Protein backbone atom coordinates (compact mmCIF):
# COMPACT_ATOMS: atom_id res chain seq x y z
CA MET A 1 18.73 1.94 -6.10
CA GLN A 2 18.75 1.28 -9.99
CA GLN A 3 22.48 -0.40 -9.96
CA ASP A 4 24.04 -3.41 -12.64
CA ASN A 5 26.45 -4.10 -10.21
CA LEU A 6 25.79 -4.20 -6.73
CA SER A 7 28.34 -4.27 -3.81
CA ARG A 8 27.96 -4.11 0.00
CA SER A 9 30.00 -1.07 -0.16
CA LEU A 10 26.95 0.42 -2.25
CA VAL A 11 24.07 -1.08 -0.53
CA LEU A 12 25.71 -1.04 3.05
CA PRO A 13 27.70 1.88 3.12
CA GLU A 14 27.89 2.43 7.19
CA ASN A 15 29.04 -1.41 7.48
CA GLU A 16 29.14 -1.63 11.02
CA PHE A 17 25.22 -1.83 12.41
CA MET A 18 23.97 -3.08 15.88
CA ARG A 19 23.50 -6.86 15.61
CA THR A 20 20.07 -8.23 15.31
CA LYS A 21 20.77 -10.30 18.53
CA GLU A 22 20.78 -7.42 20.48
CA LEU A 23 17.33 -5.66 18.86
CA LYS A 24 15.74 -8.85 19.59
CA GLN A 25 16.77 -8.87 23.02
CA THR A 26 15.30 -5.36 24.13
CA GLY A 27 12.09 -6.74 22.15
CA GLN A 28 11.97 -9.97 24.69
CA LYS A 29 12.82 -7.65 27.28
CA LEU A 30 10.15 -5.40 26.77
CA ALA A 31 7.36 -8.24 26.44
CA GLU A 32 7.99 -8.62 30.44
CA THR A 33 6.30 -5.94 31.08
CA ILE A 34 3.99 -5.28 28.35
CA SER A 35 1.87 -7.94 27.42
CA VAL A 36 -1.91 -8.68 25.40
CA GLY A 37 -4.26 -6.43 27.29
CA HIS A 38 -8.02 -6.82 27.33
CA SER A 39 -10.09 -7.29 24.20
CA GLU A 40 -13.90 -7.60 23.91
CA PHE A 41 -13.33 -9.82 21.22
CA LEU A 42 -11.37 -12.48 22.40
CA THR A 43 -13.34 -12.58 25.47
CA LEU A 44 -16.48 -13.06 23.52
CA GLU A 45 -15.16 -15.56 21.20
CA ASN A 46 -13.27 -17.25 24.55
CA GLU A 47 -10.21 -17.02 22.69
CA LEU A 48 -6.49 -16.19 23.63
CA CYS A 49 -5.57 -14.64 20.43
CA GLU A 50 -7.00 -13.61 16.66
CA LEU A 51 -4.61 -16.56 15.12
CA ASP A 52 -6.81 -19.24 16.75
CA TYR A 53 -9.89 -17.60 16.08
CA LYS A 54 -9.05 -17.54 12.36
CA ASN A 55 -8.25 -21.43 12.45
CA ARG A 56 -11.31 -22.24 14.35
CA GLN A 57 -13.32 -20.36 11.44
CA SER A 58 -11.40 -21.86 8.73
CA ALA A 59 -11.84 -25.27 10.11
CA ASN A 60 -15.60 -24.56 10.32
CA LYS A 61 -15.97 -23.57 6.86
CA LYS A 62 -16.48 -20.04 8.12
CA ILE A 63 -16.02 -16.92 6.06
CA MET A 64 -14.73 -14.11 7.82
CA GLN A 65 -15.38 -10.46 6.65
CA HIS A 66 -13.38 -7.49 7.60
CA ALA A 67 -14.38 -3.88 7.58
CA GLN A 68 -12.37 -0.88 6.74
CA ILE A 69 -12.96 2.38 9.37
CA GLY A 70 -11.07 5.44 7.99
CA PHE A 71 -11.99 8.39 10.16
CA ARG A 72 -9.34 11.11 11.84
CA SER A 73 -11.99 11.69 14.94
CA LEU A 74 -11.72 9.03 17.63
CA ASN A 75 -15.10 9.36 18.17
CA ARG A 76 -16.83 8.68 15.12
CA THR A 77 -14.18 5.89 14.56
CA CYS A 78 -15.93 4.13 18.39
CA ASN A 79 -19.20 5.05 17.21
CA ALA A 80 -18.87 3.51 13.89
CA ALA A 81 -17.15 0.30 14.91
CA THR A 82 -20.24 0.00 17.18
CA SER A 83 -23.01 0.93 14.54
CA ILE A 84 -21.31 -1.63 11.90
CA PHE A 85 -21.00 -4.02 14.35
CA GLU A 86 -24.80 -4.22 15.54
CA ALA A 87 -26.40 -3.22 12.06
CA VAL A 88 -24.45 -5.98 10.48
CA GLN A 89 -25.51 -8.24 13.31
CA LYS A 90 -29.12 -7.70 13.23
CA ILE A 91 -29.35 -8.65 9.48
CA GLY A 92 -27.97 -11.90 10.50
CA PHE A 93 -23.80 -11.37 9.67
CA ARG A 94 -20.99 -11.15 10.92
CA VAL A 95 -18.01 -8.43 10.77
CA ASP A 96 -14.99 -10.58 12.37
CA ARG A 97 -12.68 -7.66 12.26
CA PHE A 98 -11.72 -4.20 11.70
CA GLY A 99 -9.20 -2.22 10.04
CA ILE A 100 -8.06 0.67 12.13
CA CYS A 101 -6.99 3.64 9.49
CA LEU A 102 -4.18 5.23 11.60
CA ASP A 103 -2.96 8.23 9.87
CA TRP A 104 0.09 8.28 8.31
CA SER A 105 2.04 10.74 10.72
CA MET A 106 1.42 7.99 13.34
CA GLY A 107 4.66 6.49 11.80
CA TYR A 108 6.36 9.50 13.34
CA PRO A 109 7.49 9.08 17.28
CA LYS A 110 5.38 11.15 19.19
CA GLU A 111 8.25 13.83 19.98
CA PHE A 112 8.54 14.77 16.30
CA ARG A 113 5.14 14.57 15.00
CA LYS A 114 4.32 18.11 16.33
CA GLY A 115 4.39 19.91 12.90
CA LYS A 116 4.64 17.47 10.72
CA PRO A 117 1.66 17.34 7.57
CA LYS A 118 -1.08 14.87 8.79
CA GLY A 119 -3.55 12.95 6.03
CA THR A 120 -6.99 11.89 7.03
CA GLY A 121 -6.48 8.87 9.06
CA LEU A 122 -7.09 8.44 12.94
CA ILE A 123 -4.71 10.17 15.11
CA LEU A 124 -4.16 8.25 18.83
CA ASP A 125 -2.33 10.54 20.93
CA ALA A 126 -2.38 8.16 23.89
CA ASP A 127 -2.33 4.35 25.23
CA GLU A 128 -6.07 4.99 26.12
CA ASP A 129 -6.83 6.02 23.01
CA PHE A 130 -5.46 2.59 21.87
CA ILE A 131 -7.82 0.82 23.96
CA LYS A 132 -10.93 2.67 23.25
CA VAL A 133 -10.64 2.49 19.93
CA ALA A 134 -9.95 -1.56 19.68
CA ASN A 135 -12.64 -2.17 21.96
CA SER A 136 -15.54 -0.02 20.59
CA ALA A 137 -17.41 -3.64 19.70
CA PRO A 138 -16.35 -7.22 20.17
CA VAL A 139 -14.45 -7.17 16.84
CA ALA A 140 -11.05 -8.18 16.21
CA PRO A 141 -8.79 -4.73 15.89
CA HIS A 142 -6.59 -4.79 13.08
CA PHE A 143 -3.84 -2.22 13.33
CA GLY A 144 -3.00 -2.63 9.88
CA ASP A 145 -0.42 0.63 8.48
CA PHE A 146 1.93 2.64 10.27
CA VAL A 147 2.85 1.06 13.24
CA ILE A 148 5.38 -2.02 12.17
CA GLY A 149 7.87 -0.63 9.63
CA MET A 150 7.97 2.53 10.83
CA PRO A 151 10.00 4.82 12.69
CA ALA A 152 7.64 4.84 15.69
CA ALA A 153 7.23 1.01 15.43
CA VAL A 154 7.61 -0.12 19.30
CA GLU A 155 5.83 2.68 20.95
CA ASN A 156 2.60 2.06 18.50
CA THR A 157 3.49 -1.87 18.74
CA LYS A 158 3.64 -1.52 22.77
CA ALA A 159 -0.14 0.30 22.72
CA ALA A 160 -1.55 -1.72 20.11
CA LEU A 161 -0.74 -4.75 21.99
CA GLN A 162 -2.46 -3.45 25.18
CA ALA A 163 -5.11 -2.88 23.71
CA GLY A 164 -5.76 -6.33 23.30
CA SER A 165 -4.53 -6.95 19.45
CA THR A 166 -3.09 -9.63 18.29
CA SER A 167 -2.85 -8.14 14.78
CA ILE A 168 -0.36 -6.02 13.61
CA GLY A 169 1.18 -4.20 10.70
CA ASN A 170 2.30 -3.45 8.08
CA LEU A 171 5.49 -5.24 7.10
CA GLY A 172 5.13 -4.40 3.70
CA GLN A 173 5.09 -0.60 4.64
CA TYR A 174 8.64 -1.15 5.58
CA PHE A 175 10.38 -1.91 2.07
CA THR A 176 8.47 0.71 0.03
CA PHE A 177 7.01 3.75 2.30
CA GLU A 178 9.03 7.03 3.18
CA LEU A 179 8.02 9.56 5.39
CA PRO A 180 8.23 12.81 4.10
CA GLY A 181 11.45 14.51 6.24
CA TRP A 182 12.50 11.14 7.86
CA THR A 183 15.61 9.64 6.30
CA ASP A 184 17.22 7.32 9.13
CA ASP A 185 16.17 3.97 7.40
CA VAL A 186 18.74 2.47 10.24
CA GLN A 187 16.76 3.45 13.02
CA THR A 188 13.48 2.48 11.25
CA THR A 189 14.88 -0.89 10.68
CA GLU A 190 15.75 -1.37 14.39
CA SER A 191 12.40 -0.14 15.58
CA SER A 192 10.68 -2.27 13.47
CA ILE A 193 12.97 -5.52 14.72
CA ILE A 194 12.27 -4.56 18.08
CA ALA A 195 8.65 -4.24 17.62
CA ILE A 196 8.56 -7.88 16.03
CA SER A 197 10.52 -9.30 18.65
CA LEU A 198 8.39 -7.66 21.15
CA ALA A 199 5.60 -9.05 19.44
CA ALA A 200 7.03 -12.68 19.32
CA ALA A 201 8.12 -12.94 23.16
CA GLN A 202 4.01 -12.24 24.10
CA LYS A 203 2.46 -15.75 25.31
CA VAL A 204 0.29 -15.93 22.76
CA PRO A 205 1.09 -15.78 19.00
CA ILE A 206 0.87 -12.28 17.13
CA LEU A 207 0.26 -12.02 13.33
CA ILE A 208 2.68 -9.78 12.30
CA HIS A 209 0.24 -8.41 9.02
CA SER A 210 1.97 -8.01 5.85
CA ASN A 211 -0.05 -5.85 2.88
CA ILE A 212 2.36 -6.97 0.29
CA ASP A 213 0.04 -4.75 -2.43
CA ASP A 214 1.52 -2.32 -0.07
CA GLY A 215 5.36 -3.54 -0.48
CA PHE A 216 7.34 -5.14 -3.57
CA ALA A 217 4.08 -6.80 -4.72
CA SER A 218 2.71 -3.87 -6.78
CA ARG A 219 5.96 -2.87 -7.98
CA PHE A 220 7.16 -6.19 -9.79
CA THR A 221 6.39 -7.08 -13.36
CA ASP A 222 5.60 -10.86 -12.14
CA LEU A 223 3.38 -12.48 -9.39
CA ALA A 224 6.04 -15.20 -9.05
CA SER A 225 8.44 -12.10 -7.78
CA ALA A 226 5.63 -11.05 -5.53
CA LEU A 227 4.90 -14.60 -3.80
CA GLY A 228 8.83 -14.94 -3.57
CA SER A 229 8.40 -11.98 -1.24
CA VAL A 230 6.02 -13.39 0.98
CA LEU A 231 9.00 -15.88 1.31
CA LEU A 232 11.90 -13.42 2.05
CA GLU A 233 9.43 -11.79 4.34
CA LYS A 234 8.13 -15.45 5.55
CA TYR A 235 11.96 -16.08 6.26
CA ILE A 236 12.92 -12.83 7.99
CA VAL A 237 10.07 -12.98 10.53
CA ASP A 238 9.51 -16.73 11.15
CA GLU A 239 12.89 -18.21 10.67
CA LEU A 240 15.07 -15.04 11.82
CA LEU A 241 12.91 -13.24 14.65
CA ASP A 242 10.71 -15.99 16.28
CA GLY A 243 7.38 -14.52 15.06
CA SER A 244 4.28 -15.28 12.82
CA VAL A 245 3.71 -12.86 9.33
CA SER A 246 0.60 -13.52 8.20
CA HIS A 247 -0.04 -11.60 4.74
CA CYS A 248 -2.57 -9.68 3.00
CA TYR A 249 -3.14 -8.90 -1.15
CA GLY A 250 -5.74 -7.93 -3.08
CA HIS A 251 -5.66 -4.60 -3.86
CA THR A 252 -4.35 -4.76 -7.46
CA PHE A 253 -5.30 -7.62 -8.57
CA SER A 254 -7.68 -7.15 -10.90
CA GLN A 255 -7.76 -10.31 -13.31
CA SER A 256 -10.02 -13.04 -11.78
CA LEU A 257 -8.06 -15.83 -12.54
CA SER A 258 -4.68 -14.70 -11.30
CA ARG A 259 -6.15 -13.57 -8.23
CA PHE A 260 -8.08 -17.10 -7.43
CA ALA A 261 -4.62 -18.50 -8.24
CA PHE A 262 -2.46 -16.14 -6.09
CA GLN A 263 -4.43 -17.24 -3.34
CA ARG A 264 -4.09 -20.99 -3.78
CA ALA A 265 -0.41 -20.51 -4.04
CA LEU A 266 -0.18 -18.34 -0.73
CA GLN A 267 -2.39 -20.84 1.20
CA SER A 268 0.56 -23.55 0.19
CA VAL A 269 3.44 -21.76 0.85
CA THR A 270 2.63 -20.70 4.04
CA SER A 271 1.57 -22.16 7.40
CA THR A 272 -0.19 -18.86 9.51
CA PRO A 273 -3.68 -17.95 8.35
CA GLY A 274 -3.99 -14.53 6.23
CA THR A 275 -5.41 -11.23 7.46
CA MET A 276 -7.91 -10.51 4.79
CA ILE A 277 -7.99 -10.04 1.11
CA TYR A 278 -8.45 -6.53 0.03
CA GLY A 279 -11.10 -5.04 -2.37
CA ASN A 280 -9.97 -4.38 -5.66
CA THR A 281 -10.20 -0.79 -5.63
CA THR A 282 -8.12 -0.02 -8.33
CA ALA A 283 -10.94 -1.05 -10.59
CA PHE A 284 -13.96 1.39 -8.80
CA SER A 285 -14.94 4.26 -11.02
CA GLU A 286 -17.31 7.46 -10.44
CA ASN A 287 -20.09 5.17 -11.29
CA ASP A 288 -21.71 3.39 -8.50
CA ALA A 289 -23.66 0.80 -10.51
CA ALA A 290 -20.51 -0.48 -12.43
CA ASN A 291 -18.46 -0.26 -8.89
CA TYR A 292 -21.35 -2.79 -7.53
CA ALA A 293 -20.64 -5.19 -10.76
CA VAL A 294 -16.71 -4.76 -9.71
CA LEU A 295 -17.44 -5.16 -6.10
CA ALA A 296 -19.68 -8.76 -6.96
CA ALA A 297 -17.05 -9.83 -9.12
CA TYR A 298 -14.10 -9.81 -6.95
CA LEU A 299 -16.07 -10.54 -3.72
CA GLN A 300 -17.32 -13.98 -5.44
CA VAL A 301 -13.25 -14.82 -6.64
CA ASP A 302 -12.17 -14.29 -2.91
CA ILE A 303 -15.64 -16.41 -1.62
CA GLN A 304 -15.37 -19.44 -3.85
CA ALA A 305 -11.17 -19.11 -3.14
CA GLN A 306 -11.79 -19.57 0.58
CA MET A 307 -14.48 -22.52 0.01
CA PHE A 308 -11.99 -24.22 -1.87
CA LYS A 309 -9.06 -23.75 0.16
CA PRO A 310 -9.49 -22.08 3.52
CA SER A 311 -6.47 -20.06 4.07
CA GLY A 312 -7.74 -17.85 6.97
CA HIS A 313 -8.31 -14.20 5.10
CA ALA A 314 -11.30 -12.52 6.02
CA ILE A 315 -13.17 -10.96 2.54
CA ASN A 316 -13.09 -7.44 2.63
CA PRO A 317 -16.21 -5.73 0.79
CA VAL A 318 -14.81 -2.17 0.01
CA PRO A 319 -17.96 0.50 -0.42
CA ILE A 320 -18.31 1.30 -3.58
CA THR A 321 -17.53 5.04 -2.88
CA GLU A 322 -14.37 4.72 -1.84
CA ALA A 323 -12.93 6.05 -5.04
CA LYS A 324 -14.88 9.35 -4.51
CA ARG A 325 -14.14 9.89 -0.54
CA ILE A 326 -14.08 8.28 2.60
CA PRO A 327 -17.04 6.23 2.88
CA THR A 328 -20.20 6.76 5.42
CA VAL A 329 -20.78 4.45 7.94
CA GLU A 330 -24.23 3.28 6.18
CA GLU A 331 -22.24 2.91 2.99
CA ILE A 332 -19.85 0.80 4.97
CA ILE A 333 -22.73 -1.45 6.39
CA ASP A 334 -24.40 -1.93 3.07
CA ALA A 335 -20.85 -3.26 1.82
CA GLN A 336 -21.12 -5.67 5.07
CA ILE A 337 -24.84 -6.99 4.14
CA PHE A 338 -23.91 -7.27 0.71
CA CYS A 339 -21.11 -9.33 1.31
CA GLY A 340 -23.12 -11.24 3.78
CA LYS A 341 -25.38 -11.99 1.15
CA LEU A 342 -23.19 -12.86 -1.72
CA ILE A 343 -21.75 -15.75 0.98
CA GLU A 344 -24.87 -17.16 1.89
CA LYS A 345 -25.88 -17.82 -1.88
CA SER A 346 -22.85 -18.81 -2.70
CA THR A 347 -22.42 -22.12 -0.91
CA ASP A 348 -22.68 -24.41 -3.97
CA TYR A 349 -20.52 -22.45 -6.36
CA CYS A 350 -17.65 -25.00 -6.01
CA ALA A 351 -19.53 -27.77 -7.55
CA MET A 352 -19.54 -25.58 -10.74
CA THR A 353 -15.90 -24.34 -10.60
CA ASN A 354 -12.94 -26.04 -12.51
CA SER A 355 -9.92 -25.25 -10.26
CA GLN A 356 -7.43 -26.84 -12.80
CA PRO A 357 -6.49 -23.52 -14.82
CA ALA A 358 -5.30 -21.62 -11.12
CA ASP A 359 -3.82 -24.81 -9.74
CA ASP A 360 -1.54 -24.62 -13.10
CA ILE A 361 -0.69 -21.06 -12.53
CA SER A 362 -0.15 -21.52 -8.74
CA ASN A 363 2.16 -24.25 -9.29
CA ARG A 364 4.35 -21.68 -11.64
CA LEU A 365 3.89 -19.43 -9.06
CA ILE A 366 5.24 -21.25 -5.78
CA GLU A 367 8.36 -23.03 -8.24
CA GLY A 368 9.05 -19.09 -9.65
CA ALA A 369 8.84 -17.74 -5.93
CA LYS A 370 11.10 -20.36 -4.51
CA ARG A 371 13.64 -19.70 -7.36
CA PHE A 372 13.31 -15.84 -6.40
CA LYS A 373 13.90 -16.09 -2.67
CA ASN A 374 16.72 -18.45 -3.02
CA ASP A 375 18.19 -16.58 -5.66
CA VAL A 376 17.83 -13.53 -3.74
CA LEU A 377 19.46 -14.58 -0.88
CA VAL A 378 22.35 -16.57 -2.66
CA GLY A 379 23.01 -13.24 -4.52
CA LEU A 380 23.00 -11.06 -1.47
CA SER A 381 25.27 -13.33 0.23
CA ASP A 382 27.66 -13.34 -2.28
CA ILE A 383 28.36 -9.54 -2.05
CA GLY A 384 28.56 -9.51 1.43
CA ILE A 385 25.47 -9.23 2.98
CA ASP A 386 24.87 -11.36 5.82
CA VAL A 387 21.25 -12.72 5.16
CA THR A 388 20.95 -14.78 8.44
CA ASP A 389 20.96 -11.19 10.05
CA ALA A 390 17.69 -9.81 10.06
CA LEU A 391 18.66 -5.75 10.24
CA GLU A 392 20.77 -6.16 7.42
CA LEU A 393 18.54 -8.18 4.93
CA MET A 394 16.11 -5.99 5.67
CA LEU A 395 17.79 -2.93 5.18
CA SER A 396 19.70 -4.30 2.06
CA LEU A 397 16.06 -5.64 0.54
CA ARG A 398 14.73 -1.69 1.38
CA ARG A 399 17.27 -0.17 -0.71
CA ILE A 400 18.10 -1.90 -3.69
CA GLY A 401 14.25 -1.76 -4.34
CA ALA A 402 12.17 -3.91 -5.90
CA LYS A 403 12.93 -3.06 -9.79
CA THR A 404 16.73 -4.12 -9.46
CA LEU A 405 15.75 -7.17 -7.30
CA GLU A 406 14.04 -8.52 -10.34
CA GLN A 407 16.32 -7.08 -12.77
CA LYS A 408 18.85 -9.24 -10.75
CA PHE A 409 16.91 -12.10 -9.53
CA GLY A 410 13.38 -12.21 -11.17
CA PRO A 411 12.38 -16.18 -11.83
CA GLY A 412 11.15 -15.88 -15.44
CA ASP A 413 13.51 -16.05 -18.35
CA LEU A 414 15.81 -13.34 -19.09
CA ASP A 415 14.19 -10.89 -21.77
CA THR A 416 15.74 -7.93 -22.48
CA LYS A 417 13.01 -6.00 -23.72
CA ALA A 418 10.94 -6.88 -20.54
CA PRO A 419 10.52 -4.14 -18.17
CA ASN A 420 12.68 -5.77 -15.79
CA ARG A 421 14.55 -7.62 -18.03
CA HIS A 422 12.59 -10.86 -17.18
CA LYS A 423 9.85 -12.43 -18.86
CA PRO A 424 7.11 -12.76 -16.24
CA ILE A 425 5.77 -16.69 -15.32
CA GLU A 426 2.50 -14.61 -14.29
CA PRO A 427 1.90 -10.82 -15.23
CA SER A 428 1.39 -8.79 -12.78
CA PRO A 429 -2.22 -7.46 -13.00
CA VAL A 430 -1.57 -4.52 -11.63
CA LEU A 431 0.68 -3.51 -14.74
CA LYS A 432 -1.27 -4.66 -17.45
CA GLU A 433 -4.42 -2.50 -15.45
CA ILE A 434 -2.45 0.63 -15.28
CA SER A 435 -1.37 0.06 -19.64
CA ASP A 436 -4.99 -0.74 -20.42
CA LEU A 437 -6.32 2.65 -18.50
CA ALA A 438 -3.41 4.44 -20.03
CA LYS A 439 -4.06 3.23 -23.61
CA LYS A 440 -7.64 4.20 -23.29
CA ALA A 441 -6.72 7.84 -21.99
CA ALA A 442 -4.15 8.26 -24.47
CA GLU A 443 -7.06 7.71 -27.36
CA LYS A 444 -8.33 11.02 -26.26
CA VAL A 445 -5.67 13.05 -27.06
CA SER A 446 -6.29 15.09 -30.08
CA LEU A 447 -4.18 14.69 -33.42
CA GLU A 448 -3.18 18.55 -33.18
CA GLU A 449 -2.59 18.32 -29.29
CA LEU A 450 -0.34 15.03 -30.04
CA THR A 451 1.28 17.26 -33.06
CA THR A 452 2.25 19.78 -30.76
CA PHE A 453 3.04 17.18 -27.98
CA SER A 454 5.68 15.85 -30.11
CA ALA A 455 7.25 19.34 -31.49
CA SER A 456 7.40 20.75 -27.87
CA ASN A 457 10.21 18.60 -26.63
CA LEU A 458 8.45 19.05 -22.70
CA LYS A 459 10.03 17.43 -20.02
CA ILE A 460 7.64 16.60 -17.09
CA LEU A 461 8.59 15.99 -13.57
CA THR A 462 6.56 13.64 -12.25
CA ALA A 463 5.57 12.83 -8.30
CA THR A 464 3.68 11.66 -5.56
CA THR A 465 3.01 14.08 -2.14
CA ASP A 466 2.65 10.77 -0.20
CA ILE A 467 3.28 7.03 -0.54
CA HIS A 468 0.88 5.92 -3.08
CA GLU A 469 2.40 5.87 -6.75
CA TYR A 470 -0.45 4.29 -8.52
CA GLY A 471 -1.31 7.76 -10.15
CA LYS A 472 2.05 8.65 -10.79
CA ARG A 473 3.20 5.27 -12.81
CA LEU A 474 -0.27 5.69 -14.87
CA LEU A 475 0.44 9.28 -15.78
CA GLU A 476 4.07 8.48 -16.69
CA GLU A 477 2.85 5.72 -19.22
CA ILE A 478 0.71 7.99 -20.74
CA LEU A 479 3.19 10.73 -20.94
CA GLY A 480 5.53 8.29 -22.26
CA SER A 481 3.02 7.08 -24.82
CA ILE A 482 2.19 10.68 -26.25
CA GLY A 483 6.12 11.07 -26.51
CA LEU A 484 6.75 13.49 -23.61
CA GLU A 485 10.48 13.15 -21.54
CA ILE A 486 9.70 12.03 -17.77
CA ILE A 487 11.66 13.02 -15.07
CA ASP A 488 11.17 11.17 -12.05
CA GLY A 489 10.76 13.36 -8.82
CA GLY A 490 10.28 10.62 -6.36
CA VAL A 491 7.29 8.96 -4.25
CA SER A 492 7.00 10.37 -0.91
CA THR A 493 8.93 13.03 -2.03
CA ASN A 494 9.48 16.66 0.00
CA ALA A 495 8.49 20.33 -1.72
CA LYS A 496 12.41 21.43 -1.74
CA LYS A 497 14.07 18.57 -3.26
CA LEU A 498 11.02 18.86 -5.77
CA ALA A 499 11.69 22.32 -6.23
CA GLU A 500 15.45 21.91 -7.26
CA ASP A 501 14.45 19.12 -9.93
CA ALA A 502 11.81 21.08 -11.17
CA LEU A 503 14.26 24.04 -12.38
CA HIS A 504 15.14 22.19 -15.61
CA THR A 505 11.51 21.12 -16.60
CA ASP A 506 8.48 22.46 -18.17
CA ALA A 507 5.97 21.11 -16.00
CA ILE A 508 5.28 19.69 -12.49
CA PHE A 509 2.92 16.44 -12.39
CA LEU A 510 1.55 15.64 -8.65
CA SER A 511 -0.44 12.88 -7.73
CA THR A 512 -1.77 13.04 -4.48
CA TYR A 513 -3.83 10.80 -2.21
CA ASN A 514 -3.23 11.19 1.63
CA GLY A 515 -5.15 14.27 2.36
CA ILE A 516 -2.15 16.52 2.36
CA ALA A 517 -2.19 18.05 -1.34
CA LEU A 518 -3.19 21.72 -0.20
CA ASP A 519 -0.51 21.94 2.07
CA PHE A 520 1.96 20.02 -0.16
CA LEU A 521 1.73 22.59 -2.93
CA GLU A 522 1.97 25.28 -0.32
CA ARG A 523 5.40 24.66 0.57
CA LEU A 524 6.19 23.47 -2.65
CA ASN A 525 5.33 27.35 -4.04
CA GLU A 526 7.52 28.98 -1.30
CA GLU A 527 10.22 26.73 -2.59
CA LEU A 528 9.63 27.80 -6.53
CA ASP A 529 9.75 31.29 -5.39
CA LYS A 530 12.80 30.95 -3.33
CA LYS A 531 14.88 29.52 -7.16
CA GLU A 532 12.61 32.10 -8.55
CA CYS A 533 11.30 28.99 -11.20
CA LYS A 534 7.88 29.51 -12.56
CA VAL A 535 7.22 26.01 -13.77
CA PRO A 536 3.44 25.26 -14.03
CA ILE A 537 1.85 22.55 -11.19
CA PHE A 538 -0.68 20.00 -12.48
CA ILE A 539 -2.40 18.20 -9.44
CA GLY A 540 -4.68 15.23 -9.63
CA GLY A 541 -5.59 12.20 -7.39
CA LYS A 542 -7.47 12.23 -4.08
CA LEU A 543 -8.26 16.35 -3.76
CA ASN A 544 -9.55 16.38 -0.35
CA GLN A 545 -7.81 17.75 3.15
CA VAL A 546 -9.15 18.04 6.88
CA PRO A 547 -9.41 21.56 7.17
CA SER A 548 -7.48 23.05 10.27
CA SER A 549 -10.30 24.78 11.45
CA SER A 550 -12.95 21.56 11.15
CA ASN A 551 -15.15 20.70 13.95
CA SER A 552 -15.55 17.06 12.23
CA ASP A 553 -12.64 16.24 11.37
CA LEU A 554 -14.13 15.08 8.02
CA PRO A 555 -12.11 16.28 5.27
CA VAL A 556 -13.16 18.14 2.31
CA ASP A 557 -12.92 19.09 -1.42
CA ILE A 558 -10.37 21.17 -2.29
CA THR A 559 -10.69 21.59 -5.57
CA ASN A 560 -11.19 25.34 -5.82
CA GLU A 561 -8.57 26.08 -2.83
CA LEU A 562 -5.93 24.35 -5.12
CA ALA A 563 -7.04 26.39 -7.97
CA ASP A 564 -6.68 29.72 -5.83
CA LYS A 565 -3.44 28.34 -5.16
CA GLY A 566 -1.77 28.48 -8.89
CA ALA A 567 -2.27 24.30 -9.61
CA ILE A 568 -3.81 23.04 -12.80
CA VAL A 569 -6.24 20.88 -10.80
CA CYS A 570 -6.99 17.78 -12.99
CA PRO A 571 -9.65 15.88 -11.46
CA ASN A 572 -9.51 13.32 -13.88
CA VAL A 573 -6.24 12.22 -16.22
CA GLU A 574 -7.10 13.28 -19.43
CA ASP A 575 -7.69 17.23 -18.10
CA PHE A 576 -4.21 17.71 -18.35
CA TYR A 577 -3.79 17.81 -22.34
CA ALA A 578 -5.46 21.11 -23.08
CA PRO A 579 -3.93 23.04 -20.64
CA LEU A 580 -0.14 21.16 -21.81
CA ALA A 581 -0.57 21.78 -24.83
CA LYS A 582 -0.85 25.17 -24.33
CA ILE A 583 2.10 25.36 -23.03
CA ALA A 584 3.38 23.03 -25.45
CA ARG A 585 2.85 25.47 -28.25
CA GLU A 586 4.49 28.70 -26.19
CA LYS A 587 7.07 27.02 -25.66
CA CYS A 588 7.44 26.01 -29.80
CA GLN A 589 6.37 29.96 -30.32
CA LYS A 590 9.63 30.91 -28.56
CA LYS A 591 11.43 28.26 -29.69
CA ASN A 592 11.02 29.29 -33.28
CA SER A 593 11.06 33.06 -32.28
CA THR A 594 14.84 32.65 -31.16
CA SER A 595 15.88 30.16 -33.72
CA PRO A 596 18.62 31.88 -35.85
CA LEU A 597 17.72 32.40 -39.92
CA VAL A 598 18.93 30.22 -41.65
């Protein structure tokens, strides 16, 4: 929603909704029969919940480690969890928690999943499957994605609780993710509130996990706005819904000082321990040696942050192969051992570190975040939104979106030349990272190609097949820098809509990540054929998919299959220059041949 003049009728045209009080009561009623089940982790640690364990470890200056497992197969996932825990323990280190990567199709209610496209993540068909995976090792099971914040929030939260999990998310996804073909955001909101209320009514605290990089944080231009979104979520979960929100960040925090400062600011404005600090995955490349340097650099920042000011976050050593494919068990083990040894060797670094520059940034972030939260709540209240009602507030924030929220309520000084009309108090690292990558990529455009692009007036339709938009934003910055017109085809777009948008464009640029590229391309080709539209399709990103005939449930590279279906495949972003220049020349020639004689 990009509107200068917000109004209640524009944001909430339905006007009447089920009250949050009723939704909370529904969740509380469910809690009478749904409770936290047996947990190998909690039994081993003699704790009632992970929050208590985190507080104990923090008090003892113990830095926790988080591992992410992302296989489609249930048995493969369980075996991996056991193997990783035992191998790391044998060396003398500890994996404290596992992130269980549910497939994004798990976000649909079970009765709607049949026939829906699937990604490469874990699919659990029964409550018993949740129990099996959560107890495959004595490690805290973290159901981080596609539970809370999704249409299937209630059924998945019930299953996660009964499996002994006391850390469930991902609230951040609620504000930005859209499942293809699902348009009922009111139902998604209701389901999420019931699920949070179910968790809040448990006899022990349940961490309502929110990865802010999956939410508004990666779309704001200002880290103060990102921290402000933490305060808004804290207000919603802790104050309005009686829960305990716990935050994660890190994917896109590529600058060491701001990463360090953000942790300090987050620890100051929250009382609940954090879930984990995710690895700076956007900085990985195809070069393994360089990736080890990236891994060490961000881990060292996170280690020192926890030593200086423990916040309860586990740190996550991402295997260096993540940029290329799903890491193997051995690669996950290597990363965990690397992390454990780095912690062991870093105990005296605090004496050499001056935290004052980070504290200065942290203080500015905190002041800006509080102003952002207050201005958002006052501004929404002024247009008639009941900001004391969780449903109205959540739905309003989701529909208005990050860009408009920051344009209207950004905490920095007004600046009409800034992307979101405010000068950032502390610029978001992801924006600079994308800008730097775009500038570097644009330098590889030849003068001849640049001249051709300039004369062609090409219109490029950009979109993503799923909820990841990093590649789309990178493409748009490159395309803009070389003078091409960009038409926004959306995030998690559907093939029918994209085909309609493509009618008056010269090319479709499709960014993909979650293992659905081939299925999406086939549907898009069908929709384009219906409209007799021959627009070329460029596709790039993580080009893998689990074959329907697979016995291993592991994704395979589908570059050749995509090309066979007519796509122009671009493993690297600069691969689009030559084929697009050819399209541009053909357009120029056609335009010149049809121009009237003067």
